[in-house]
Amino acid sequence: MVSRSSKAILIDKACKTLNLDLAQILFAAGMFYEEILPDFACALLENDNDTPAIRELAGLNRPTLGDVNPIVERIQRGGEAPIASY
């Protein structure tokens, strides 16, 4: 079994190419933890995945599962219009 810190290191390396599809796969595999989700949301924003839900997740400070679950569900459902970048 891969330790929690090893998973975080693997995910950190993936942030350079993180996109919404990869993020959903990692989340489903249990490789995201609520305390590091805002960092991954920031990585998604940096990689041109910009929606209101991702911005909301990126802005959380020390979130709990109760904080992140509704936001992650919105991201997984999709349908939010991307925010245009200028």
Protein backbone atom coordinates (compact mmCIF):
# COMPACT_ATOMS: atom_id res chain seq x y z
CA MET A 1 0.00 0.00 0.00
CA VAL A 2 1.23 3.47 -0.89
CA SER A 3 1.47 5.82 2.10
CA ARG A 4 -0.50 9.05 2.25
CA SER A 5 2.67 11.15 1.89
CA SER A 6 3.82 9.11 -1.12
CA LYS A 7 0.46 9.66 -2.77
CA ALA A 8 0.77 13.38 -2.17
CA ILE A 9 4.20 13.42 -3.80
CA LEU A 10 2.91 11.51 -6.85
CA ILE A 11 -0.03 13.87 -7.19
CA ASP A 12 2.22 16.91 -6.73
CA LYS A 13 4.29 15.75 -9.71
CA ALA A 14 1.11 15.30 -11.74
CA CYS A 15 0.03 18.91 -11.11
CA LYS A 16 2.11 20.17 -14.00
CA THR A 17 -0.23 18.37 -16.40
CA LEU A 18 -3.32 18.17 -14.22
CA ASN A 19 -6.62 18.51 -16.03
CA LEU A 20 -10.17 17.92 -14.93
CA ASP A 21 -10.31 14.34 -16.27
CA LEU A 22 -7.14 13.34 -14.41
CA ALA A 23 -8.34 15.08 -11.25
CA GLN A 24 -11.60 13.11 -11.32
CA ILE A 25 -9.71 9.83 -11.78
CA LEU A 26 -7.39 10.62 -8.87
CA PHE A 27 -10.34 11.65 -6.68
CA ALA A 28 -12.23 8.44 -7.47
CA ALA A 29 -9.09 6.44 -6.62
CA GLY A 30 -8.95 8.06 -3.19
CA MET A 31 -5.76 9.94 -3.95
CA PHE A 32 -7.13 13.37 -3.04
CA TYR A 33 -7.46 14.42 0.55
CA GLU A 34 -9.61 17.34 1.62
CA GLU A 35 -6.67 19.33 2.98
CA ILE A 36 -4.81 19.28 -0.35
CA LEU A 37 -7.80 19.74 -2.66
CA PRO A 38 -7.43 23.55 -2.75
CA ASP A 39 -3.87 23.09 -4.08
CA PHE A 40 -5.15 20.83 -6.82
CA ALA A 41 -7.93 23.26 -7.65
CA CYS A 42 -5.23 25.93 -8.05
CA ALA A 43 -3.33 23.59 -10.38
CA LEU A 44 -6.51 23.07 -12.41
CA LEU A 45 -6.92 26.84 -12.67
CA GLU A 46 -3.32 27.22 -13.79
CA ASN A 47 -3.97 24.62 -16.49
CA ASP A 48 -6.97 26.47 -17.97
CA ASN A 49 -9.74 24.57 -16.13
CA ASP A 50 -11.64 27.54 -14.77
CA THR A 51 -15.18 27.22 -13.44
CA PRO A 52 -16.92 28.81 -10.45
CA ALA A 53 -16.76 25.53 -8.49
CA ILE A 54 -13.03 25.10 -9.10
CA ARG A 55 -12.43 28.70 -8.00
CA GLU A 56 -14.51 28.10 -4.88
CA LEU A 57 -12.52 24.96 -4.05
CA ALA A 58 -9.22 26.78 -4.64
CA GLY A 59 -10.25 29.46 -2.15
CA LEU A 60 -10.90 27.13 0.77
CA ASN A 61 -8.60 27.24 3.78
CA ARG A 62 -8.18 24.01 5.78
CA PRO A 63 -11.34 22.42 4.37
CA THR A 64 -13.17 19.43 5.78
CA LEU A 65 -14.91 16.72 3.76
CA GLY A 66 -18.17 18.49 4.51
CA ASP A 67 -16.76 21.62 2.87
CA VAL A 68 -15.40 19.95 -0.25
CA ASN A 69 -17.93 17.22 -1.05
CA PRO A 70 -20.67 19.52 -2.42
CA ILE A 71 -18.13 21.44 -4.50
CA VAL A 72 -16.52 18.26 -5.86
CA GLU A 73 -19.98 16.95 -6.76
CA ARG A 74 -20.64 20.14 -8.75
CA ILE A 75 -17.32 19.74 -10.55
CA GLN A 76 -18.06 16.08 -11.33
CA ARG A 77 -21.56 16.87 -12.62
CA GLY A 78 -20.12 19.47 -14.94
CA GLY A 79 -22.37 21.86 -16.72
CA GLU A 80 -20.85 24.97 -15.20
CA ALA A 81 -19.81 27.46 -17.82
CA PRO A 82 -16.07 27.98 -17.95
CA ILE A 83 -14.89 31.42 -16.95
CA ALA A 84 -13.39 33.18 -19.95
CA SER A 85 -9.76 34.16 -19.65
CA TYR A 86 -8.58 37.41 -21.11
